[in-house]
Protein backbone atom coordinates (compact mmCIF):
# COMPACT_ATOMS: atom_id res chain seq x y z
CA MET A 1 -4.33 2.36 -1.98
CA ILE A 2 -3.75 0.08 1.10
CA SER A 3 -1.44 -2.63 0.99
CA THR A 4 0.75 -4.88 3.43
CA ASP A 5 3.62 -5.69 3.32
CA GLN A 6 6.10 -9.09 3.40
CA MET A 7 6.48 -8.39 7.29
CA GLY A 8 2.46 -8.66 7.46
CA ARG A 9 3.02 -4.39 7.98
CA THR A 10 -0.14 -2.35 6.74
CA LEU A 11 0.19 0.72 4.62
CA THR A 12 -1.71 3.48 3.34
CA LEU A 13 -0.85 4.58 0.25
CA ALA A 14 -2.46 8.70 -0.42
CA GLN A 15 -1.59 8.47 -4.07
CA TRP A 16 -1.15 5.64 -6.21
CA PRO A 17 1.25 4.51 -8.30
CA PRO A 18 3.63 6.46 -5.55
CA GLN A 19 5.44 9.03 -7.70
CA ARG A 20 8.42 10.25 -5.44
CA MET A 21 10.05 6.72 -4.01
CA VAL A 22 12.91 6.04 -1.93
CA SER A 23 15.09 3.07 -1.92
CA LEU A 24 17.02 1.58 1.17
CA VAL A 25 18.02 -1.48 -0.48
CA PRO A 26 20.52 -2.00 -3.03
CA SER A 27 19.12 -5.42 -4.93
CA GLN A 28 15.46 -3.71 -5.00
CA THR A 29 16.92 -0.29 -6.34
CA GLU A 30 18.34 -1.71 -8.98
CA PHE A 31 14.93 -4.21 -10.04
CA LEU A 32 12.85 -0.59 -9.43
CA ALA A 33 15.48 0.40 -12.33
CA ASP A 34 14.27 -2.59 -14.57
CA LEU A 35 10.62 -2.13 -13.84
CA GLY A 36 11.72 1.25 -16.16
CA LEU A 37 10.51 3.27 -12.63
CA HIS A 38 13.54 6.22 -13.57
CA LYS A 39 11.76 9.58 -12.36
CA GLU A 40 9.35 7.93 -9.76
CA VAL A 41 12.80 7.00 -7.47
CA VAL A 42 13.61 10.28 -5.65
CA GLY A 43 16.29 8.29 -3.78
CA ILE A 44 18.68 5.77 -2.80
CA THR A 45 21.71 4.55 -0.57
CA LYS A 46 25.14 4.60 -1.06
CA PHE A 47 25.55 1.41 -1.52
CA CYS A 48 22.77 1.44 -4.54
CA ILE A 49 25.40 0.97 -7.33
CA HIS A 50 23.26 -0.71 -10.00
CA PRO A 51 22.50 1.29 -12.31
CA ARG A 52 25.50 3.11 -12.50
CA VAL A 53 23.65 6.17 -13.94
CA TRP A 54 21.25 5.91 -10.61
CA PHE A 55 24.14 5.90 -7.98
CA GLU A 56 25.78 8.98 -9.83
CA GLU A 57 22.56 10.68 -10.31
CA LYS A 58 20.15 10.17 -7.60
CA LYS A 59 20.04 11.46 -4.08
CA ARG A 60 21.89 9.61 -1.73
CA VAL A 61 20.57 9.29 1.55
CA GLY A 62 23.03 7.44 3.84
CA GLY A 63 23.71 3.80 4.10
CA THR A 64 21.39 0.91 4.76
CA LYS A 65 21.76 0.76 8.34
CA THR A 66 22.98 4.90 8.71
CA ILE A 67 19.97 6.24 6.76
CA ASP A 68 19.63 10.18 7.15
CA ILE A 69 16.36 10.71 8.07
CA GLN A 70 16.21 14.38 7.44
CA LYS A 71 17.28 13.75 3.58
CA ILE A 72 14.56 11.34 3.35
CA VAL A 73 11.99 14.38 5.00
CA ALA A 74 13.39 16.91 2.24
CA LEU A 75 12.51 14.26 -0.57
CA LYS A 76 9.00 14.42 0.49
CA PRO A 77 8.41 10.55 -0.21
CA ASP A 78 4.97 9.20 -1.03
CA LEU A 79 6.28 5.66 -0.20
CA ILE A 80 10.27 4.26 0.99
CA ILE A 81 10.51 0.58 0.41
CA GLY A 82 12.91 -1.02 2.96
CA ASN A 83 14.31 -4.89 4.33
CA LYS A 84 14.01 -5.97 7.23
CA GLU A 85 17.22 -7.83 7.46
CA GLU A 86 19.47 -4.65 5.82
CA ASN A 87 17.89 -2.16 7.30
CA GLU A 88 17.58 -0.28 11.54
CA GLN A 89 14.18 -1.01 12.72
CA SER A 90 14.57 1.92 14.80
CA GLN A 91 15.22 4.47 11.94
CA ILE A 92 12.32 2.40 9.74
CA SER A 93 9.69 3.30 12.79
CA ALA A 94 10.71 6.58 13.00
CA LEU A 95 10.42 7.07 9.11
CA ALA A 96 7.00 5.04 8.90
CA GLN A 97 5.62 7.71 11.63
CA GLN A 98 5.65 9.90 8.63
CA PHE A 99 5.75 8.30 5.26
CA PRO A 100 4.14 4.76 4.19
CA VAL A 101 7.13 2.03 4.10
CA TRP A 102 6.73 -1.08 2.41
CA MET A 103 9.25 -3.63 3.69
CA SER A 104 10.44 -6.95 2.03
CA ASP A 105 11.43 -10.13 3.83
CA VAL A 106 13.34 -12.51 1.89
CA CYS A 107 15.49 -15.77 2.96
CA ASP A 108 15.09 -17.74 0.03
CA LEU A 109 14.18 -17.96 -4.22
CA THR A 110 9.83 -17.95 -3.24
CA GLN A 111 10.16 -15.24 -0.67
CA ALA A 112 12.18 -13.18 -3.41
CA LEU A 113 9.97 -13.97 -6.25
CA ASP A 114 6.96 -13.07 -4.35
CA MET A 115 8.73 -9.69 -3.90
CA MET A 116 8.89 -8.71 -6.83
CA LEU A 117 5.13 -9.39 -7.56
CA GLN A 118 4.45 -7.31 -4.40
CA LEU A 119 6.39 -4.09 -5.96
CA GLY A 120 4.92 -4.61 -8.62
CA VAL A 121 1.83 -4.09 -7.73
CA ILE A 122 2.59 -1.31 -5.46
CA THR A 123 4.52 0.67 -7.88
CA GLY A 124 2.16 0.39 -10.70
CA LYS A 125 4.60 -1.90 -12.64
CA LYS A 126 2.53 -5.21 -12.13
CA ALA A 127 3.23 -6.82 -16.35
CA GLU A 128 6.48 -5.49 -15.62
CA ALA A 129 7.45 -6.87 -12.45
CA GLN A 130 5.67 -10.46 -13.60
CA LEU A 131 7.91 -10.55 -17.02
CA ILE A 132 10.92 -10.26 -14.37
CA SER A 133 9.82 -12.62 -12.07
CA THR A 134 8.79 -15.41 -14.40
CA SER A 135 12.16 -15.16 -16.21
CA VAL A 136 13.75 -15.57 -12.74
CA GLU A 137 11.60 -18.49 -12.07
CA LYS A 138 12.28 -20.51 -15.73
CA ALA A 139 16.40 -19.73 -14.99
CA PHE A 140 16.59 -21.61 -12.20
CA GLY A 141 14.60 -24.13 -13.04
CA LEU A 142 17.00 -25.15 -15.52
CA LEU A 143 19.93 -25.49 -13.26
CA LYS A 144 20.50 -29.51 -13.12
CA SER A 145 21.28 -31.25 -9.62
CA PRO A 146 24.14 -33.17 -9.23
CA THR A 147 24.34 -36.53 -7.77
CA SER A 148 26.99 -35.72 -5.40
CA PRO A 149 26.36 -32.61 -4.08
CA ARG A 150 29.94 -30.73 -3.46
CA LYS A 151 30.33 -29.31 0.24
CA VAL A 152 31.03 -25.51 0.53
CA ALA A 153 31.45 -22.77 3.32
CA TYR A 154 30.88 -19.80 2.02
CA LEU A 155 33.02 -17.15 3.43
CA ILE A 156 31.14 -13.63 4.09
CA TRP A 157 33.89 -11.74 6.13
CA ARG A 158 37.51 -11.95 7.21
CA LYS A 159 39.30 -10.91 10.78
CA PRO A 160 36.97 -13.70 12.20
CA TYR A 161 36.01 -15.43 9.90
CA MET A 162 32.04 -15.43 8.97
CA VAL A 163 29.83 -17.64 6.78
CA ALA A 164 26.84 -17.83 5.29
CA ALA A 165 24.79 -20.07 7.24
CA SER A 166 21.25 -21.51 7.50
CA GLY A 167 18.09 -19.21 6.90
CA THR A 168 19.88 -16.86 4.61
CA PHE A 169 19.70 -16.09 0.80
CA ILE A 170 22.66 -17.17 0.29
CA ASP A 171 22.05 -20.49 1.84
CA ASP A 172 18.87 -20.80 -0.49
CA MET A 173 21.34 -20.12 -3.62
CA LEU A 174 23.89 -22.65 -2.68
CA HIS A 175 21.57 -25.35 -2.65
CA ARG A 176 19.50 -24.30 -5.69
CA ALA A 177 23.16 -24.14 -7.01
CA GLY A 178 23.40 -27.76 -5.99
CA PHE A 179 26.16 -26.97 -3.12
CA ASP A 180 25.78 -28.96 0.16
CA ASN A 181 26.71 -25.92 2.79
CA ILE A 182 28.40 -27.96 5.31
CA PHE A 183 27.76 -25.15 7.99
CA SER A 184 23.83 -25.17 8.07
CA ALA A 185 23.47 -26.70 10.72
CA LEU A 186 24.83 -22.65 12.40
CA THR A 187 21.69 -20.27 11.14
CA ARG A 188 22.43 -16.71 10.15
CA TYR A 189 25.67 -15.74 9.77
CA PRO A 190 28.45 -17.53 12.51
CA GLU A 191 32.14 -16.52 13.23
CA VAL A 192 34.09 -19.58 12.41
CA SER A 193 37.50 -20.52 13.80
CA ALA A 194 40.17 -21.69 11.49
CA ALA A 195 39.82 -25.22 13.38
CA GLN A 196 36.33 -25.30 12.43
CA LEU A 197 37.17 -24.86 8.81
CA ALA A 198 39.74 -27.50 8.84
CA ALA A 199 37.30 -29.78 10.69
CA ALA A 200 34.43 -29.34 8.51
CA VAL A 201 36.94 -30.34 5.10
CA PRO A 202 34.84 -28.39 2.44
CA ASP A 203 35.77 -29.67 -1.33
CA CYS A 204 35.39 -25.83 -2.16
CA ILE A 205 35.39 -22.31 -0.28
CA PHE A 206 33.48 -19.85 -1.77
CA LEU A 207 35.33 -16.10 -0.91
CA SER A 208 32.57 -13.27 -1.65
CA SER A 209 33.67 -10.19 -3.30
CA GLU A 210 30.89 -8.26 -0.15
CA PRO A 211 30.56 -7.06 2.52
CA TYR A 212 34.07 -8.10 2.84
CA PRO A 213 36.35 -7.82 0.05
CA PHE A 214 38.06 -11.16 -0.64
CA GLY A 215 40.84 -10.86 -3.24
CA LEU A 216 43.13 -12.87 -4.80
CA LYS A 217 45.86 -12.68 -1.44
CA HIS A 218 43.55 -14.33 0.71
CA ILE A 219 43.51 -17.01 -1.36
CA ALA A 220 46.90 -18.59 -0.16
CA GLU A 221 46.09 -18.23 3.44
CA LEU A 222 42.94 -20.34 3.37
CA GLN A 223 44.48 -22.62 1.09
CA GLU A 224 46.89 -23.23 4.32
CA ILE A 225 43.59 -24.22 6.48
CA CYS A 226 42.15 -26.27 4.33
CA PRO A 227 44.83 -27.54 1.38
CA GLY A 228 42.16 -29.77 0.26
CA ALA A 229 39.72 -27.57 -0.85
CA GLN A 230 39.29 -25.91 -4.57
CA ILE A 231 39.11 -22.12 -3.74
CA GLN A 232 36.95 -19.51 -5.36
CA LEU A 233 36.44 -15.74 -4.89
CA VAL A 234 32.92 -15.12 -6.12
CA ASP A 235 30.67 -12.44 -7.04
CA GLY A 236 28.92 -11.69 -3.80
CA GLU A 237 26.10 -10.20 -5.75
CA LEU A 238 24.92 -12.74 -8.02
CA PHE A 239 24.72 -14.66 -4.34
CA SER A 240 22.97 -12.39 -2.30
CA TRP A 241 20.81 -9.56 -4.16
CA TYR A 242 17.30 -11.06 -4.44
CA GLY A 243 16.08 -8.38 -7.16
CA SER A 244 16.33 -8.80 -10.98
CA ARG A 245 20.17 -9.62 -10.89
CA LEU A 246 19.05 -12.93 -10.39
CA LEU A 247 18.45 -13.39 -13.73
CA GLN A 248 21.96 -13.37 -13.98
CA SER A 249 22.67 -16.25 -10.88
CA PRO A 250 22.07 -19.25 -12.46
CA ALA A 251 24.53 -19.53 -15.46
CA TYR A 252 26.88 -18.02 -13.49
CA PHE A 253 26.01 -20.99 -10.43
CA ALA A 254 26.73 -23.79 -12.87
CA SER A 255 30.60 -22.37 -13.85
CA LEU A 256 31.26 -22.21 -10.08
CA CYS A 257 33.25 -25.35 -8.73
């Protein structure tokens, strides 16, 4: 089988559907599980925590950006599944010299739905992928847009503060959830100062559970900077995981701020 991934790369599978897959992205690992590929996925990363049984039982091949190539070689995969942003290009290039590597490139919901459908085809689970993607699209279609969107800052890191800005999947989720990202004039994940946060005068500040583990102790710190803002701890997985976990996101978004 010949396939083209979301980065426009062409790969050839000697066997289709593949029987030994390695997933290098947590959200896509969970999606593969929901497709029913329990025997076919033989390797995951140490950050692939869902489903729990996979995390406990499957071979872990390092982190998303610190892949142990030799562990992957030992697994003899007939397909490796990665992502442009989450994996290191040099490691992906090294793996692609030995194995078929399918790469996603996801910055918004449309690309996430396309990723699901493409993975459904390449893994032999087209019908299952179609069902999940259709359900995700329907769930997001039920979200209502407020007449006056609340201004929000979404923090992903501390010391220094870093926020999700334009060109990110999180930014797309914020807009679909009915929020106005006050840092959308910036790109990707910029550092911002306390002074910048205060000057932006956000209505809400979301403290993500990942990659930095914000907790209750950090709310007072941000409240001093932005005393008029409503500050909430939010589930980072529901904002940044672009697989089947998106089924849960719309109802969660509707409960915020």
